[in-house]
Amino acid sequence: MTGQKLRGQLWQLSVKQEVYGVTRLEEAWALDLLAAFAPPANEGPNAQLSALPGEVDYLKTLRRMRALSTPLAAFGLRAAVWLLAWAPLWLDGRWLTSSRLQLSERCGLLRRLLAHKSFAVRELSLLLKLVASMALLGAPTVRARSGYDNVEPRVRAESGMRRKLPVLTEESNAADGGETRQTRHSVAP
């Protein structure tokens, strides 16, 4: 890649970030929302998968996904943050953002939004859940605790019945005047 092409791509990336850059307020909303998808758990089956405070960089993942996406996808991520941040207002009539809710209330809110009757609300909620999942699996410590990379199959299953199938080939027979004929050969799996 030439230096001019590289500079052009870097310029396009910086322009995209300036046009679709997020404010500190939006980043605060996004951080609160993304962290609520996998809240800390001291007990139970999810305790080992929960992120410790400061272990996962949700904002870095969100910034990267926005920077490397199309303008429409970047807008979708921003719209998702706004929609979910103001969900207590339009869903419950409460004059506050989701960041002002307790963590348990925020988790319940996200659960309700993921099951909302409106397709757009469900999909934008799922989009942010995807960002949170990418951030969690991007943290080496969470990934190691989850065992994601060390999964062994529990059962060896056969792929089906084994049987010999005939294979058709083309052979030229000089006795037939150069015509092609098909013969059957048996091939073992």
Protein backbone atom coordinates (compact mmCIF):
# COMPACT_ATOMS: atom_id res chain seq x y z
CA MET A 1 0.00 0.00 0.00
CA THR A 2 1.39 3.36 -0.94
CA GLY A 3 1.81 6.17 1.53
CA GLN A 4 -0.78 8.27 -0.30
CA LYS A 5 -3.44 5.52 -0.08
CA LEU A 6 -2.68 5.00 3.60
CA ARG A 7 -2.96 8.74 4.33
CA GLY A 8 -6.25 8.81 2.40
CA GLN A 9 -7.69 5.96 4.44
CA LEU A 10 -6.54 7.52 7.71
CA TRP A 11 -8.09 10.84 6.66
CA GLN A 12 -11.41 9.13 5.85
CA LEU A 13 -11.34 7.39 9.23
CA SER A 14 -10.67 10.66 11.06
CA VAL A 15 -13.44 12.46 9.13
CA LYS A 16 -15.87 9.67 9.98
CA GLN A 17 -14.96 9.95 13.66
CA GLU A 18 -15.39 13.74 13.63
CA VAL A 19 -18.76 13.62 11.87
CA TYR A 20 -20.12 10.80 14.03
CA GLY A 21 -18.15 11.52 17.20
CA VAL A 22 -19.93 11.04 20.48
CA THR A 23 -20.14 13.45 23.36
CA ARG A 24 -18.99 12.72 26.90
CA LEU A 25 -22.60 12.44 27.96
CA GLU A 26 -23.29 9.82 25.29
CA GLU A 27 -20.18 7.91 26.35
CA ALA A 28 -21.34 7.97 29.98
CA TRP A 29 -24.75 6.65 28.93
CA ALA A 30 -23.13 3.98 26.75
CA LEU A 31 -20.79 2.85 29.52
CA ASP A 32 -23.64 2.50 32.01
CA LEU A 33 -25.81 0.63 29.51
CA LEU A 34 -23.08 -1.71 28.25
CA ALA A 35 -21.91 -2.59 31.76
CA ALA A 36 -25.50 -3.44 32.74
CA PHE A 37 -25.65 -6.26 30.17
CA ALA A 38 -23.18 -8.23 32.31
CA PRO A 39 -23.43 -6.91 35.86
CA PRO A 40 -21.05 -8.10 38.56
CA ALA A 41 -22.23 -11.22 40.36
CA ASN A 42 -20.64 -12.46 43.57
CA GLU A 43 -22.57 -15.72 43.68
CA GLY A 44 -24.35 -18.10 41.38
CA PRO A 45 -23.55 -19.66 38.03
CA ASN A 46 -22.61 -16.36 36.36
CA ALA A 47 -20.09 -15.27 38.98
CA GLN A 48 -17.07 -16.43 37.02
CA LEU A 49 -18.26 -14.79 33.79
CA SER A 50 -19.01 -11.42 35.32
CA ALA A 51 -16.52 -8.67 34.64
CA LEU A 52 -14.66 -7.12 37.52
CA PRO A 53 -14.72 -3.32 37.80
CA GLY A 54 -12.36 -1.84 35.19
CA GLU A 55 -11.65 -5.21 33.58
CA VAL A 56 -13.56 -4.59 30.34
CA ASP A 57 -13.14 -1.50 28.18
CA TYR A 58 -16.65 -1.12 26.79
CA LEU A 59 -16.03 2.34 25.33
CA LYS A 60 -12.98 1.22 23.37
CA THR A 61 -15.04 -1.53 21.75
CA LEU A 62 -17.89 0.87 20.99
CA ARG A 63 -15.50 3.41 19.47
CA ARG A 64 -13.80 0.76 17.37
CA MET A 65 -17.08 -0.67 16.10
CA ARG A 66 -18.31 2.80 15.19
CA ALA A 67 -15.04 3.77 13.50
CA LEU A 68 -14.86 0.62 11.39
CA SER A 69 -18.53 0.49 10.45
CA THR A 70 -20.50 2.18 7.72
CA PRO A 71 -22.00 5.60 8.46
CA LEU A 72 -25.46 4.03 8.72
CA ALA A 73 -24.25 1.42 11.23
CA ALA A 74 -22.46 4.12 13.25
CA PHE A 75 -25.69 6.09 13.31
CA GLY A 76 -27.52 2.94 14.48
CA LEU A 77 -25.14 2.55 17.41
CA ARG A 78 -25.62 6.18 18.37
CA ALA A 79 -29.40 5.90 18.02
CA ALA A 80 -29.33 2.79 20.21
CA VAL A 81 -27.49 4.65 22.96
CA TRP A 82 -29.99 7.53 22.84
CA LEU A 83 -33.05 5.27 22.70
CA LEU A 84 -31.92 3.10 25.61
CA ALA A 85 -30.64 6.04 27.64
CA TRP A 86 -34.04 7.74 27.53
CA ALA A 87 -36.05 4.51 27.86
CA PRO A 88 -37.24 5.28 31.41
CA LEU A 89 -38.95 8.40 30.02
CA TRP A 90 -40.76 6.88 27.04
CA LEU A 91 -41.31 3.45 28.58
CA ASP A 92 -42.29 4.30 32.15
CA GLY A 93 -42.90 8.05 32.09
CA ARG A 94 -40.06 8.70 34.56
CA TRP A 95 -38.11 11.94 33.99
CA LEU A 96 -34.61 10.50 34.13
CA THR A 97 -32.09 8.65 32.02
CA SER A 98 -31.10 5.03 32.46
CA SER A 99 -27.77 6.14 33.98
CA ARG A 100 -29.64 7.50 37.00
CA LEU A 101 -31.22 4.11 37.72
CA GLN A 102 -29.74 1.61 40.15
CA LEU A 103 -27.83 -1.20 38.44
CA SER A 104 -30.55 -3.75 39.21
CA GLU A 105 -33.21 -1.44 37.73
CA ARG A 106 -31.04 -0.85 34.65
CA CYS A 107 -30.65 -4.61 34.16
CA GLY A 108 -34.41 -5.05 34.41
CA LEU A 109 -34.94 -2.22 31.95
CA LEU A 110 -32.60 -3.86 29.44
CA ARG A 111 -34.40 -7.17 29.88
CA ARG A 112 -37.72 -5.45 29.11
CA LEU A 113 -36.27 -3.63 26.08
CA LEU A 114 -34.86 -6.86 24.63
CA ALA A 115 -38.39 -8.32 24.78
CA HIS A 116 -40.23 -5.14 23.69
CA LYS A 117 -43.12 -5.45 21.22
CA SER A 118 -41.47 -3.04 18.78
CA PHE A 119 -38.98 -4.64 16.43
CA ALA A 120 -36.85 -1.47 16.25
CA VAL A 121 -36.52 -1.27 20.03
CA ARG A 122 -35.59 -4.95 20.29
CA GLU A 123 -33.02 -4.68 17.50
CA LEU A 124 -31.36 -1.51 18.81
CA SER A 125 -31.19 -3.10 22.26
CA LEU A 126 -29.68 -6.21 20.74
CA LEU A 127 -27.15 -4.08 18.86
CA LEU A 128 -25.83 -2.68 22.13
CA LYS A 129 -25.87 -6.16 23.66
CA LEU A 130 -23.66 -7.25 20.77
CA VAL A 131 -21.19 -4.46 21.56
CA ALA A 132 -21.15 -5.54 25.22
CA SER A 133 -20.53 -9.16 24.19
CA MET A 134 -17.65 -8.17 21.91
CA ALA A 135 -16.13 -6.12 24.71
CA LEU A 136 -16.45 -8.98 27.20
CA LEU A 137 -14.88 -11.52 24.87
CA GLY A 138 -12.19 -8.99 23.97
CA ALA A 139 -10.96 -8.93 27.57
CA PRO A 140 -8.37 -11.72 27.93
CA THR A 141 -9.13 -12.31 31.61
CA VAL A 142 -12.88 -12.71 31.06
CA ARG A 143 -12.20 -14.90 28.03
CA ALA A 144 -9.87 -17.14 30.07
CA ARG A 145 -12.39 -17.48 32.92
CA SER A 146 -15.17 -18.35 30.49
CA GLY A 147 -13.22 -21.21 28.95
CA TYR A 148 -14.32 -19.95 25.52
CA ASP A 149 -11.10 -21.04 23.81
CA ASN A 150 -10.80 -24.39 25.63
CA VAL A 151 -14.05 -26.07 24.69
CA GLU A 152 -13.77 -29.80 24.05
CA PRO A 153 -16.61 -31.76 22.48
CA ARG A 154 -18.50 -33.71 25.13
CA VAL A 155 -19.65 -36.48 22.82
CA ARG A 156 -18.07 -37.83 19.68
CA ALA A 157 -20.87 -38.20 17.23
CA GLU A 158 -20.70 -39.96 13.93
CA SER A 159 -21.63 -37.85 10.98
CA GLY A 160 -24.11 -40.42 9.74
CA MET A 161 -24.28 -43.84 8.12
CA ARG A 162 -21.25 -44.92 6.17
CA ARG A 163 -21.88 -46.58 2.88
CA LYS A 164 -20.14 -46.96 -0.42
CA LEU A 165 -21.41 -44.77 -3.19
CA PRO A 166 -20.66 -45.34 -6.85
CA VAL A 167 -18.45 -42.78 -8.56
CA LEU A 168 -19.00 -42.09 -12.23
CA THR A 169 -15.96 -41.46 -14.42
CA GLU A 170 -15.53 -40.84 -18.07
CA GLU A 171 -13.32 -43.16 -20.08
CA SER A 172 -12.52 -43.08 -23.73
CA ASN A 173 -12.83 -46.41 -25.44
CA ALA A 174 -10.99 -46.72 -28.74
CA ALA A 175 -13.06 -49.76 -29.68
CA ASP A 176 -16.26 -47.68 -29.45
CA GLY A 177 -14.97 -45.25 -32.03
CA GLY A 178 -13.75 -42.67 -29.51
CA GLU A 179 -17.10 -42.27 -27.82
CA THR A 180 -17.16 -41.61 -24.10
CA ARG A 181 -18.80 -44.09 -21.81
CA GLN A 182 -19.45 -44.03 -18.08
CA THR A 183 -18.20 -46.75 -15.78
CA ARG A 184 -18.90 -47.30 -12.11
CA HIS A 185 -16.16 -47.49 -9.50
CA SER A 186 -16.73 -48.19 -5.85
CA VAL A 187 -14.99 -45.85 -3.44
CA ALA A 188 -14.72 -46.40 0.29
CA PRO A 189 -15.28 -43.42 2.60
